[in-house]
Amino acid sequence: MSGPFTSRPSVAVASLYQTYLVTRHTGRAVRLTIERLVEERAGPSLTVLDFSEVAVIDFSCADEVVARLLHDTMSRPPEAAPQYFVLDGLEEEHVDPVSSALDRRGLAMAARMASRRPVLLGRAEPEAIRVWDALARCGRARVDDLAGCFEGDAVTCRRWLARLEARRLVRDAGEAFESLFVSLVAGGDGDDDPASSAGPAGVAPVSPPA
């Protein structure tokens, strides 16, 4: 998805503003609101789903808010501007329902725990996780810089990076690949470390109703 879409995506935060995200009905209402607001933004976009106010999320709600949201995005025409998503502020109790919902649909999504630790949730091969982790740590890198993940095999490394980009887990910036966390820093995180920055302050809020 490089070519016309090498520019950095616009960033907005979807603050869920609900303590208990349970039932599929609730999840669908939240997802539809986020989808409408995401579609209003032209060009490549990155939407941060902010879990900082969420105490509980069940599987059915995670399937609607996270997995179905990504699934529908991946079903858009290939010529459409890419839409990326990052989960932020997750606690350990959020991980199982969210990761299970993504895995059930064969999807994965980049996330940052409340501790600022980057994780890849959902279904991903060990090779994909290895190179994703390496890119999350450095933020931006050329294929040759990451080839050490595959014993110096740049061809294999490029193939796995291309798969990650196709799944909206990293971004092909033309001369290099970028972690999605780099866009959060550019959007106003105010920290030089793309994986551990303090939070997406300064970017446009996208807040579905309670």
N, C-alpha and C. Protein backbone atom coordinates (compact mmCIF):
# COMPACT_ATOMS: atom_id res chain seq x y z
N MET A 1 0.82 -1.21 0.00
CA MET A 1 0.00 0.00 0.00
C MET A 1 0.85 1.25 0.00
N SER A 2 2.06 1.17 -0.54
CA SER A 2 2.85 2.38 -0.65
C SER A 2 2.36 3.13 -1.86
N GLY A 3 3.23 3.66 -2.70
CA GLY A 3 2.76 4.41 -3.85
C GLY A 3 2.19 5.72 -3.42
N PRO A 4 0.84 5.98 -3.70
CA PRO A 4 0.27 7.28 -3.39
C PRO A 4 0.04 7.53 -1.91
N PHE A 5 0.23 6.54 -1.05
CA PHE A 5 -0.11 6.69 0.36
C PHE A 5 1.11 6.61 1.26
N THR A 6 2.23 7.20 0.84
CA THR A 6 3.42 7.19 1.68
C THR A 6 3.41 8.31 2.71
N SER A 7 2.49 9.27 2.60
CA SER A 7 2.42 10.34 3.59
C SER A 7 1.93 9.79 4.91
N ARG A 8 2.39 10.40 6.00
CA ARG A 8 2.03 9.94 7.34
C ARG A 8 0.53 10.16 7.57
N PRO A 9 -0.16 9.21 8.18
CA PRO A 9 -1.61 9.35 8.36
C PRO A 9 -1.97 10.40 9.42
N SER A 10 -3.15 10.97 9.25
CA SER A 10 -3.69 11.83 10.29
C SER A 10 -4.08 10.97 11.48
N VAL A 11 -3.97 11.54 12.69
CA VAL A 11 -4.20 10.76 13.91
C VAL A 11 -5.38 11.35 14.68
N ALA A 12 -6.25 10.48 15.15
CA ALA A 12 -7.35 10.90 16.04
C ALA A 12 -7.53 9.84 17.11
N VAL A 13 -8.05 10.25 18.25
CA VAL A 13 -8.26 9.35 19.38
C VAL A 13 -9.76 9.11 19.58
N ALA A 14 -10.14 7.84 19.60
CA ALA A 14 -11.52 7.48 19.91
C ALA A 14 -11.59 7.11 21.38
N SER A 15 -12.01 8.05 22.21
CA SER A 15 -12.16 7.79 23.64
C SER A 15 -13.49 7.10 23.88
N LEU A 16 -13.44 5.89 24.37
CA LEU A 16 -14.66 5.09 24.47
C LEU A 16 -15.60 5.58 25.55
N TYR A 17 -15.05 6.19 26.62
CA TYR A 17 -15.86 6.82 27.66
C TYR A 17 -16.92 5.90 28.25
N GLN A 18 -16.62 4.62 28.36
CA GLN A 18 -17.55 3.71 29.00
C GLN A 18 -16.75 2.79 29.91
N THR A 19 -17.21 2.63 31.12
CA THR A 19 -16.51 1.78 32.08
C THR A 19 -16.73 0.31 31.77
N TYR A 20 -17.97 -0.04 31.37
CA TYR A 20 -18.30 -1.43 31.09
C TYR A 20 -18.73 -1.57 29.64
N LEU A 21 -17.86 -2.19 28.85
CA LEU A 21 -18.18 -2.48 27.45
C LEU A 21 -18.59 -3.94 27.35
N VAL A 22 -19.89 -4.17 27.51
CA VAL A 22 -20.42 -5.53 27.48
C VAL A 22 -21.64 -5.56 26.57
N THR A 23 -21.90 -6.71 26.01
CA THR A 23 -22.96 -7.05 25.08
C THR A 23 -22.62 -6.58 23.66
N ARG A 24 -23.07 -7.37 22.70
CA ARG A 24 -22.82 -7.06 21.29
C ARG A 24 -23.57 -5.79 20.87
N HIS A 25 -24.73 -5.55 21.45
CA HIS A 25 -25.50 -4.35 21.11
C HIS A 25 -24.71 -3.09 21.45
N THR A 26 -24.12 -3.06 22.63
CA THR A 26 -23.30 -1.90 23.02
C THR A 26 -22.11 -1.76 22.09
N GLY A 27 -21.45 -2.86 21.80
CA GLY A 27 -20.28 -2.82 20.93
C GLY A 27 -20.62 -2.32 19.54
N ARG A 28 -21.74 -2.74 19.02
CA ARG A 28 -22.13 -2.31 17.67
C ARG A 28 -22.38 -0.81 17.65
N ALA A 29 -23.04 -0.28 18.66
CA ALA A 29 -23.31 1.17 18.71
C ALA A 29 -22.00 1.96 18.74
N VAL A 30 -21.04 1.51 19.54
CA VAL A 30 -19.75 2.19 19.62
C VAL A 30 -19.02 2.09 18.28
N ARG A 31 -19.02 0.89 17.68
CA ARG A 31 -18.32 0.71 16.41
C ARG A 31 -18.88 1.59 15.30
N LEU A 32 -20.20 1.65 15.19
CA LEU A 32 -20.81 2.45 14.13
C LEU A 32 -20.46 3.93 14.28
N THR A 33 -20.42 4.41 15.52
CA THR A 33 -20.04 5.80 15.75
C THR A 33 -18.60 6.05 15.33
N ILE A 34 -17.70 5.14 15.71
CA ILE A 34 -16.30 5.30 15.33
C ILE A 34 -16.16 5.25 13.81
N GLU A 35 -16.85 4.32 13.16
CA GLU A 35 -16.76 4.19 11.70
C GLU A 35 -17.19 5.48 11.00
N ARG A 36 -18.27 6.07 11.47
CA ARG A 36 -18.74 7.31 10.83
C ARG A 36 -17.70 8.42 10.97
N LEU A 37 -17.11 8.53 12.14
CA LEU A 37 -16.13 9.59 12.37
C LEU A 37 -14.83 9.33 11.62
N VAL A 38 -14.45 8.07 11.50
CA VAL A 38 -13.24 7.74 10.74
C VAL A 38 -13.45 8.07 9.26
N GLU A 39 -14.61 7.77 8.74
CA GLU A 39 -14.87 8.00 7.32
C GLU A 39 -14.89 9.48 6.96
N GLU A 40 -15.08 10.34 7.95
CA GLU A 40 -15.07 11.79 7.67
C GLU A 40 -13.68 12.31 7.36
N ARG A 41 -12.65 11.55 7.70
CA ARG A 41 -11.27 12.00 7.50
C ARG A 41 -10.76 11.51 6.15
N ALA A 42 -10.29 12.45 5.33
CA ALA A 42 -9.78 12.11 4.01
C ALA A 42 -8.33 11.65 4.11
N GLY A 43 -7.91 10.78 3.20
CA GLY A 43 -6.54 10.32 3.16
C GLY A 43 -6.25 9.27 4.19
N PRO A 44 -4.99 8.82 4.27
CA PRO A 44 -4.62 7.81 5.26
C PRO A 44 -4.90 8.30 6.68
N SER A 45 -5.37 7.41 7.53
CA SER A 45 -5.71 7.81 8.90
C SER A 45 -5.29 6.74 9.89
N LEU A 46 -5.00 7.18 11.10
CA LEU A 46 -4.71 6.28 12.22
C LEU A 46 -5.63 6.67 13.37
N THR A 47 -6.46 5.72 13.79
CA THR A 47 -7.38 5.96 14.89
C THR A 47 -6.93 5.17 16.11
N VAL A 48 -6.78 5.86 17.23
CA VAL A 48 -6.35 5.24 18.48
C VAL A 48 -7.60 4.94 19.31
N LEU A 49 -7.80 3.67 19.64
CA LEU A 49 -8.91 3.29 20.51
C LEU A 49 -8.41 3.33 21.94
N ASP A 50 -8.87 4.32 22.69
CA ASP A 50 -8.38 4.59 24.04
C ASP A 50 -9.15 3.78 25.08
N PHE A 51 -8.47 2.83 25.71
CA PHE A 51 -9.09 1.95 26.70
C PHE A 51 -8.88 2.45 28.13
N SER A 52 -8.36 3.63 28.31
CA SER A 52 -7.97 4.08 29.65
C SER A 52 -9.14 4.18 30.62
N GLU A 53 -10.38 4.38 30.10
CA GLU A 53 -11.55 4.49 30.97
C GLU A 53 -12.35 3.20 31.04
N VAL A 54 -11.87 2.16 30.36
CA VAL A 54 -12.62 0.90 30.29
C VAL A 54 -12.17 -0.04 31.41
N ALA A 55 -13.11 -0.43 32.27
CA ALA A 55 -12.80 -1.39 33.34
C ALA A 55 -12.99 -2.82 32.86
N VAL A 56 -14.06 -3.05 32.08
CA VAL A 56 -14.40 -4.39 31.64
C VAL A 56 -14.83 -4.36 30.17
N ILE A 57 -14.34 -5.33 29.40
CA ILE A 57 -14.84 -5.54 28.04
C ILE A 57 -15.02 -7.05 27.87
N ASP A 58 -16.17 -7.47 27.37
CA ASP A 58 -16.37 -8.89 27.16
C ASP A 58 -16.08 -9.25 25.70
N PHE A 59 -16.12 -10.57 25.40
CA PHE A 59 -15.74 -11.03 24.07
C PHE A 59 -16.65 -10.45 22.99
N SER A 60 -17.96 -10.47 23.22
CA SER A 60 -18.89 -10.02 22.19
C SER A 60 -18.69 -8.54 21.87
N CYS A 61 -18.42 -7.74 22.89
CA CYS A 61 -18.20 -6.32 22.67
C CYS A 61 -16.84 -6.10 21.99
N ALA A 62 -15.82 -6.85 22.40
CA ALA A 62 -14.51 -6.74 21.76
C ALA A 62 -14.60 -7.13 20.29
N ASP A 63 -15.43 -8.12 19.99
CA ASP A 63 -15.59 -8.53 18.60
C ASP A 63 -16.19 -7.41 17.77
N GLU A 64 -17.16 -6.69 18.31
CA GLU A 64 -17.80 -5.60 17.58
C GLU A 64 -16.91 -4.37 17.49
N VAL A 65 -16.36 -3.94 18.63
CA VAL A 65 -15.63 -2.66 18.68
C VAL A 65 -14.26 -2.77 18.00
N VAL A 66 -13.58 -3.89 18.18
CA VAL A 66 -12.22 -4.03 17.69
C VAL A 66 -12.14 -4.89 16.43
N ALA A 67 -12.54 -6.16 16.55
CA ALA A 67 -12.34 -7.10 15.44
C ALA A 67 -13.21 -6.77 14.23
N ARG A 68 -14.49 -6.49 14.45
CA ARG A 68 -15.37 -6.16 13.32
C ARG A 68 -14.95 -4.84 12.69
N LEU A 69 -14.51 -3.88 13.50
CA LEU A 69 -14.04 -2.60 12.97
C LEU A 69 -12.88 -2.82 12.01
N LEU A 70 -11.90 -3.61 12.42
CA LEU A 70 -10.75 -3.88 11.56
C LEU A 70 -11.15 -4.72 10.35
N HIS A 71 -12.00 -5.72 10.57
CA HIS A 71 -12.45 -6.58 9.46
C HIS A 71 -13.11 -5.75 8.37
N ASP A 72 -13.99 -4.84 8.75
CA ASP A 72 -14.68 -4.03 7.75
C ASP A 72 -13.71 -3.11 7.03
N THR A 73 -12.72 -2.60 7.74
CA THR A 73 -11.71 -1.75 7.12
C THR A 73 -10.91 -2.53 6.09
N MET A 74 -10.54 -3.76 6.43
CA MET A 74 -9.76 -4.58 5.52
C MET A 74 -10.55 -4.98 4.28
N SER A 75 -11.87 -4.85 4.33
CA SER A 75 -12.72 -5.21 3.20
C SER A 75 -12.93 -4.07 2.23
N ARG A 76 -12.35 -2.90 2.51
CA ARG A 76 -12.51 -1.75 1.62
C ARG A 76 -11.75 -1.99 0.31
N PRO A 77 -12.11 -1.29 -0.78
CA PRO A 77 -11.41 -1.46 -2.05
C PRO A 77 -9.92 -1.18 -1.91
N PRO A 78 -9.06 -1.90 -2.64
CA PRO A 78 -7.61 -1.73 -2.49
C PRO A 78 -7.12 -0.34 -2.83
N GLU A 79 -7.86 0.39 -3.65
CA GLU A 79 -7.42 1.75 -4.01
C GLU A 79 -7.78 2.78 -2.95
N ALA A 80 -8.57 2.40 -1.94
CA ALA A 80 -8.96 3.35 -0.89
C ALA A 80 -7.77 3.69 0.00
N ALA A 81 -7.78 4.90 0.54
CA ALA A 81 -6.73 5.31 1.46
C ALA A 81 -6.73 4.39 2.67
N PRO A 82 -5.57 3.93 3.12
CA PRO A 82 -5.53 2.98 4.25
C PRO A 82 -5.97 3.60 5.55
N GLN A 83 -6.65 2.81 6.34
CA GLN A 83 -7.07 3.19 7.68
C GLN A 83 -6.40 2.25 8.67
N TYR A 84 -5.65 2.83 9.62
CA TYR A 84 -4.92 2.05 10.61
C TYR A 84 -5.57 2.26 11.98
N PHE A 85 -5.38 1.27 12.86
CA PHE A 85 -5.90 1.36 14.22
C PHE A 85 -4.85 0.88 15.21
N VAL A 86 -4.82 1.54 16.36
CA VAL A 86 -3.95 1.14 17.47
C VAL A 86 -4.80 1.15 18.73
N LEU A 87 -4.66 0.13 19.55
CA LEU A 87 -5.29 0.10 20.86
C LEU A 87 -4.32 0.71 21.87
N ASP A 88 -4.83 1.52 22.78
CA ASP A 88 -3.94 2.19 23.74
C ASP A 88 -4.53 2.13 25.15
N GLY A 89 -3.64 2.03 26.13
CA GLY A 89 -4.06 2.06 27.53
C GLY A 89 -4.69 0.77 28.02
N LEU A 90 -4.35 -0.36 27.42
CA LEU A 90 -4.95 -1.63 27.83
C LEU A 90 -4.37 -2.11 29.16
N GLU A 91 -5.23 -2.73 29.95
CA GLU A 91 -4.82 -3.44 31.15
C GLU A 91 -4.80 -4.94 30.82
N GLU A 92 -4.18 -5.72 31.69
CA GLU A 92 -4.05 -7.15 31.42
C GLU A 92 -5.41 -7.82 31.23
N GLU A 93 -6.42 -7.37 31.96
CA GLU A 93 -7.73 -8.00 31.86
C GLU A 93 -8.43 -7.72 30.53
N HIS A 94 -7.95 -6.74 29.78
CA HIS A 94 -8.52 -6.47 28.46
C HIS A 94 -7.94 -7.41 27.40
N VAL A 95 -6.77 -7.94 27.64
CA VAL A 95 -6.01 -8.62 26.59
C VAL A 95 -6.73 -9.86 26.08
N ASP A 96 -7.21 -10.71 26.97
CA ASP A 96 -7.78 -11.98 26.54
C ASP A 96 -9.02 -11.80 25.65
N PRO A 97 -10.03 -11.02 26.05
CA PRO A 97 -11.20 -10.89 25.16
C PRO A 97 -10.86 -10.21 23.84
N VAL A 98 -9.98 -9.19 23.87
CA VAL A 98 -9.64 -8.49 22.63
C VAL A 98 -8.82 -9.38 21.71
N SER A 99 -7.80 -10.03 22.26
CA SER A 99 -6.95 -10.89 21.43
C SER A 99 -7.74 -12.09 20.89
N SER A 100 -8.64 -12.64 21.70
CA SER A 100 -9.45 -13.78 21.27
C SER A 100 -10.39 -13.38 20.13
N ALA A 101 -10.98 -12.20 20.23
CA ALA A 101 -11.89 -11.73 19.19
C ALA A 101 -11.14 -11.51 17.87
N LEU A 102 -9.95 -10.93 17.94
CA LEU A 102 -9.14 -10.73 16.74
C LEU A 102 -8.72 -12.07 16.15
N ASP A 103 -8.26 -12.98 17.00
CA ASP A 103 -7.78 -14.29 16.54
C ASP A 103 -8.90 -15.05 15.85
N ARG A 104 -10.10 -14.96 16.38
CA ARG A 104 -11.24 -15.68 15.79
C ARG A 104 -11.48 -15.26 14.35
N ARG A 105 -11.19 -14.02 14.02
CA ARG A 105 -11.37 -13.53 12.66
C ARG A 105 -10.06 -13.56 11.86
N GLY A 106 -9.00 -14.13 12.43
CA GLY A 106 -7.73 -14.20 11.72
C GLY A 106 -7.03 -12.87 11.59
N LEU A 107 -7.28 -11.96 12.53
CA LEU A 107 -6.75 -10.60 12.47
C LEU A 107 -5.78 -10.34 13.61
N ALA A 108 -5.04 -9.26 13.50
CA ALA A 108 -4.15 -8.80 14.58
C ALA A 108 -4.18 -7.28 14.61
N MET A 109 -3.86 -6.70 15.77
CA MET A 109 -3.85 -5.25 15.90
C MET A 109 -2.74 -4.83 16.85
N ALA A 110 -2.08 -3.73 16.50
CA ALA A 110 -1.04 -3.17 17.36
C ALA A 110 -1.67 -2.55 18.59
N ALA A 111 -0.99 -2.69 19.73
CA ALA A 111 -1.53 -2.16 20.98
C ALA A 111 -0.41 -1.70 21.89
N ARG A 112 -0.75 -0.76 22.79
CA ARG A 112 0.15 -0.37 23.88
C ARG A 112 -0.58 -0.58 25.19
N MET A 113 0.09 -1.28 26.09
CA MET A 113 -0.48 -1.50 27.40
C MET A 113 -0.45 -0.18 28.18
N ALA A 114 -1.17 -0.15 29.29
CA ALA A 114 -1.14 1.04 30.15
C ALA A 114 0.27 1.32 30.65
N SER A 115 1.09 0.28 30.71
CA SER A 115 2.50 0.44 31.11
C SER A 115 3.36 0.98 29.98
N ARG A 116 2.77 1.23 28.81
CA ARG A 116 3.43 1.72 27.59
C ARG A 116 4.17 0.62 26.84
N ARG A 117 3.97 -0.63 27.21
CA ARG A 117 4.62 -1.75 26.52
C ARG A 117 3.86 -2.08 25.25
N PRO A 118 4.56 -2.12 24.11
CA PRO A 118 3.89 -2.47 22.86
C PRO A 118 3.65 -3.97 22.75
N VAL A 119 2.48 -4.35 22.27
CA VAL A 119 2.16 -5.76 22.07
C VAL A 119 1.37 -5.90 20.78
N LEU A 120 1.46 -7.08 20.20
CA LEU A 120 0.68 -7.41 19.01
C LEU A 120 -0.38 -8.42 19.43
N LEU A 121 -1.64 -8.02 19.34
CA LEU A 121 -2.74 -8.88 19.78
C LEU A 121 -3.40 -9.56 18.59
N GLY A 122 -3.93 -10.75 18.83
CA GLY A 122 -4.62 -11.47 17.78
C GLY A 122 -3.76 -12.57 17.19
N ARG A 123 -3.98 -12.86 15.91
CA ARG A 123 -3.29 -13.96 15.25
C ARG A 123 -2.11 -13.45 14.42
N ALA A 124 -0.95 -13.95 14.74
CA ALA A 124 0.26 -13.58 13.99
C ALA A 124 1.29 -14.68 14.12
N GLU A 125 2.02 -14.94 13.06
CA GLU A 125 3.06 -15.95 13.05
C GLU A 125 4.26 -15.47 13.87
N PRO A 126 5.06 -16.40 14.39
CA PRO A 126 6.25 -16.01 15.15
C PRO A 126 7.19 -15.09 14.37
N GLU A 127 7.33 -15.32 13.07
CA GLU A 127 8.18 -14.46 12.25
C GLU A 127 7.63 -13.04 12.18
N ALA A 128 6.31 -12.94 12.06
CA ALA A 128 5.68 -11.62 12.01
C ALA A 128 5.86 -10.88 13.32
N ILE A 129 5.67 -11.60 14.42
CA ILE A 129 5.83 -10.98 15.74
C ILE A 129 7.26 -10.51 15.95
N ARG A 130 8.22 -11.32 15.50
CA ARG A 130 9.63 -10.98 15.69
C ARG A 130 10.00 -9.67 14.99
N VAL A 131 9.62 -9.53 13.74
CA VAL A 131 10.00 -8.31 13.01
C VAL A 131 9.14 -7.13 13.46
N TRP A 132 7.87 -7.40 13.85
CA TRP A 132 7.02 -6.32 14.36
C TRP A 132 7.61 -5.75 15.65
N ASP A 133 8.04 -6.63 16.55
CA ASP A 133 8.65 -6.19 17.80
C ASP A 133 9.89 -5.33 17.53
N ALA A 134 10.74 -5.78 16.60
CA ALA A 134 11.96 -5.04 16.29
C ALA A 134 11.64 -3.65 15.76
N LEU A 135 10.64 -3.56 14.88
CA LEU A 135 10.27 -2.26 14.33
C LEU A 135 9.60 -1.38 15.39
N ALA A 136 8.81 -1.98 16.28
CA ALA A 136 8.18 -1.20 17.36
C ALA A 136 9.23 -0.56 18.25
N ARG A 137 10.34 -1.26 18.47
CA ARG A 137 11.41 -0.73 19.32
C ARG A 137 12.15 0.43 18.67
N CYS A 138 12.41 0.33 17.36
CA CYS A 138 13.22 1.38 16.72
C CYS A 138 12.36 2.44 16.04
N GLY A 139 11.11 2.13 15.74
CA GLY A 139 10.22 3.13 15.17
C GLY A 139 10.21 3.15 13.66
N ARG A 140 11.38 3.32 13.07
CA ARG A 140 11.49 3.42 11.61
C ARG A 140 12.78 2.73 11.19
N ALA A 141 12.72 1.91 10.15
CA ALA A 141 13.92 1.19 9.73
C ALA A 141 13.78 0.73 8.29
N ARG A 142 14.93 0.62 7.62
CA ARG A 142 14.98 0.01 6.29
C ARG A 142 14.98 -1.50 6.44
N VAL A 143 14.69 -2.17 5.34
CA VAL A 143 14.66 -3.63 5.36
C VAL A 143 15.99 -4.20 5.81
N ASP A 144 17.08 -3.65 5.30
CA ASP A 144 18.40 -4.18 5.65
C ASP A 144 18.67 -4.05 7.15
N ASP A 145 18.10 -3.02 7.78
CA ASP A 145 18.31 -2.83 9.22
C ASP A 145 17.60 -3.90 10.05
N LEU A 146 16.54 -4.48 9.48
CA LEU A 146 15.75 -5.47 10.20
C LEU A 146 16.04 -6.90 9.76
N ALA A 147 16.91 -7.06 8.78
CA ALA A 147 17.18 -8.38 8.22
C ALA A 147 17.80 -9.32 9.26
N GLY A 148 18.39 -8.77 10.31
CA GLY A 148 18.94 -9.60 11.37
C GLY A 148 17.89 -10.47 12.04
N CYS A 149 16.62 -10.08 11.93
CA CYS A 149 15.53 -10.91 12.46
C CYS A 149 15.44 -12.24 11.72
N PHE A 150 16.03 -12.30 10.51
CA PHE A 150 15.98 -13.50 9.68
C PHE A 150 17.37 -13.91 9.22
N GLU A 151 18.31 -13.81 10.14
CA GLU A 151 19.70 -14.20 9.90
C GLU A 151 20.28 -13.49 8.68
N GLY A 152 19.93 -12.22 8.52
CA GLY A 152 20.48 -11.41 7.45
C GLY A 152 19.78 -11.55 6.11
N ASP A 153 18.71 -12.32 6.04
CA ASP A 153 17.99 -12.56 4.79
C ASP A 153 17.02 -11.40 4.52
N ALA A 154 17.47 -10.43 3.71
CA ALA A 154 16.66 -9.24 3.45
C ALA A 154 15.41 -9.55 2.63
N VAL A 155 15.50 -10.56 1.76
CA VAL A 155 14.34 -10.91 0.94
C VAL A 155 13.21 -11.44 1.81
N THR A 156 13.54 -12.34 2.72
CA THR A 156 12.53 -12.86 3.64
C THR A 156 11.99 -11.75 4.55
N CYS A 157 12.88 -10.88 5.01
CA CYS A 157 12.46 -9.78 5.87
C CYS A 157 11.47 -8.87 5.15
N ARG A 158 11.77 -8.52 3.91
CA ARG A 158 10.86 -7.66 3.14
C ARG A 158 9.50 -8.34 2.95
N ARG A 159 9.52 -9.65 2.73
CA ARG A 159 8.26 -10.37 2.53
C ARG A 159 7.39 -10.31 3.78
N TRP A 160 7.99 -10.48 4.96
CA TRP A 160 7.20 -10.41 6.20
C TRP A 160 6.75 -8.99 6.50
N LEU A 161 7.57 -8.01 6.20
CA LEU A 161 7.15 -6.62 6.40
C LEU A 161 5.99 -6.26 5.47
N ALA A 162 6.04 -6.77 4.25
CA ALA A 162 4.94 -6.52 3.31
C ALA A 162 3.64 -7.15 3.82
N ARG A 163 3.74 -8.33 4.42
CA ARG A 163 2.55 -8.96 4.99
C ARG A 163 2.00 -8.14 6.15
N LEU A 164 2.89 -7.64 6.99
CA LEU A 164 2.45 -6.80 8.11
C LEU A 164 1.79 -5.53 7.61
N GLU A 165 2.34 -4.95 6.56
CA GLU A 165 1.75 -3.72 6.02
C GLU A 165 0.37 -4.00 5.43
N ALA A 166 0.23 -5.13 4.73
CA ALA A 166 -1.06 -5.49 4.16
C ALA A 166 -2.11 -5.71 5.23
N ARG A 167 -1.67 -6.11 6.43
CA ARG A 167 -2.61 -6.34 7.54
C ARG A 167 -2.78 -5.10 8.41
N ARG A 168 -2.25 -3.96 7.96
CA ARG A 168 -2.37 -2.67 8.67
C ARG A 168 -1.68 -2.69 10.03
N LEU A 169 -0.53 -3.40 10.11
CA LEU A 169 0.19 -3.49 11.38
C LEU A 169 1.46 -2.67 11.38
N VAL A 170 1.97 -2.30 10.23
CA VAL A 170 3.08 -1.37 10.07
C VAL A 170 2.76 -0.53 8.85
N ARG A 171 3.59 0.48 8.61
CA ARG A 171 3.33 1.36 7.47
C ARG A 171 4.55 1.41 6.56
N ASP A 172 4.33 1.21 5.26
CA ASP A 172 5.38 1.34 4.27
C ASP A 172 5.51 2.81 3.92
N ALA A 173 6.62 3.42 4.36
CA ALA A 173 6.83 4.85 4.14
C ALA A 173 7.69 5.12 2.92
N GLY A 174 7.84 4.14 2.05
CA GLY A 174 8.62 4.34 0.84
C GLY A 174 10.04 3.82 0.98
N GLU A 175 10.92 4.65 1.55
CA GLU A 175 12.31 4.24 1.71
C GLU A 175 12.51 3.38 2.96
N ALA A 176 11.53 3.34 3.83
CA ALA A 176 11.64 2.57 5.07
C ALA A 176 10.25 2.15 5.53
N PHE A 177 10.22 1.26 6.49
CA PHE A 177 8.96 0.88 7.13
C PHE A 177 8.88 1.58 8.49
N GLU A 178 7.67 1.92 8.89
CA GLU A 178 7.45 2.60 10.17
C GLU A 178 6.50 1.82 11.05
N SER A 179 6.80 1.79 12.33
CA SER A 179 5.83 1.34 13.32
C SER A 179 4.68 2.34 13.38
N LEU A 180 3.49 1.87 13.66
CA LEU A 180 2.36 2.79 13.78
C LEU A 180 2.55 3.75 14.94
N PHE A 181 3.37 3.39 15.92
CA PHE A 181 3.60 4.26 17.07
C PHE A 181 4.34 5.53 16.67
N VAL A 182 5.06 5.51 15.55
CA VAL A 182 5.75 6.71 15.06
C VAL A 182 4.74 7.81 14.75
N SER A 183 3.60 7.43 14.18
CA SER A 183 2.57 8.42 13.87
C SER A 183 1.98 9.03 15.12
N LEU A 184 1.95 8.28 16.24
CA LEU A 184 1.47 8.85 17.49
C LEU A 184 2.41 9.92 18.00
N VAL A 185 3.72 9.67 17.87
CA VAL A 185 4.71 10.68 18.27
C VAL A 185 4.56 11.93 17.40
N ALA A 186 4.43 11.73 16.08
CA ALA A 186 4.26 12.86 15.17
C ALA A 186 2.97 13.61 15.44
N GLY A 187 1.94 12.85 15.94
CA GLY A 187 0.65 13.47 16.22
C GLY A 187 0.61 14.24 17.52
N GLY A 188 1.68 14.16 18.34
CA GLY A 188 1.69 14.97 19.55
C GLY A 188 1.94 14.23 20.83
N ASP A 189 2.53 13.02 20.77
CA ASP A 189 2.81 12.30 22.00
C ASP A 189 3.83 13.00 22.88
N GLY A 190 4.77 13.68 22.24
CA GLY A 190 5.75 14.43 23.00
C GLY A 190 6.83 13.58 23.60
N ASP A 191 7.15 12.43 23.01
CA ASP A 191 8.19 11.55 23.50
C ASP A 191 8.93 11.00 22.30
N ASP A 192 10.24 10.90 22.38
CA ASP A 192 11.02 10.42 21.26
C ASP A 192 10.94 8.91 21.09
N ASP A 193 10.49 8.18 22.07
CA ASP A 193 10.37 6.74 21.98
C ASP A 193 8.99 6.38 21.45
N PRO A 194 8.88 5.86 20.22
CA PRO A 194 7.56 5.63 19.64
C PRO A 194 6.75 4.57 20.36
N ALA A 195 7.43 3.66 21.05
CA ALA A 195 6.68 2.58 21.70
C ALA A 195 6.27 2.91 23.12
N SER A 196 6.97 3.84 23.78
CA SER A 196 6.69 4.07 25.20
C SER A 196 6.27 5.50 25.49
N SER A 197 5.84 6.23 24.47
CA SER A 197 5.48 7.61 24.67
C SER A 197 4.29 7.74 25.61
N ALA A 198 4.13 8.91 26.19
CA ALA A 198 3.23 9.06 27.33
C ALA A 198 1.76 9.05 26.97
N GLY A 199 1.40 9.21 25.71
CA GLY A 199 0.00 9.19 25.34
C GLY A 199 -0.28 10.15 24.21
N PRO A 200 -1.38 9.99 23.49
CA PRO A 200 -1.64 10.75 22.29
C PRO A 200 -2.21 12.14 22.55
N ALA A 201 -1.58 12.90 23.42
CA ALA A 201 -2.06 14.25 23.68
C ALA A 201 -1.84 15.13 22.46
N GLY A 202 -2.77 16.02 22.20
CA GLY A 202 -2.59 16.98 21.12
C GLY A 202 -3.18 16.56 19.80
N VAL A 203 -3.67 15.33 19.69
CA VAL A 203 -4.30 14.91 18.45
C VAL A 203 -5.81 15.06 18.62
N ALA A 204 -6.50 15.00 17.47
CA ALA A 204 -7.92 15.31 17.49
C ALA A 204 -8.73 14.21 18.17
N PRO A 205 -9.62 14.58 19.12
CA PRO A 205 -10.43 13.56 19.78
C PRO A 205 -11.59 13.09 18.92
N VAL A 206 -11.89 11.82 18.98
CA VAL A 206 -13.06 11.24 18.34
C VAL A 206 -13.79 10.47 19.41
N SER A 207 -14.88 10.98 19.94
CA SER A 207 -15.47 10.41 21.14
C SER A 207 -16.89 9.94 20.89
N PRO A 208 -17.11 8.62 20.80
CA PRO A 208 -18.47 8.12 20.68
C PRO A 208 -19.28 8.36 21.95
N PRO A 209 -20.57 8.51 21.82
CA PRO A 209 -21.40 8.78 23.00
C PRO A 209 -21.46 7.58 23.92
N ALA A 210 -21.77 7.83 25.21
CA ALA A 210 -21.94 6.72 26.17
C ALA A 210 -23.16 5.91 25.81
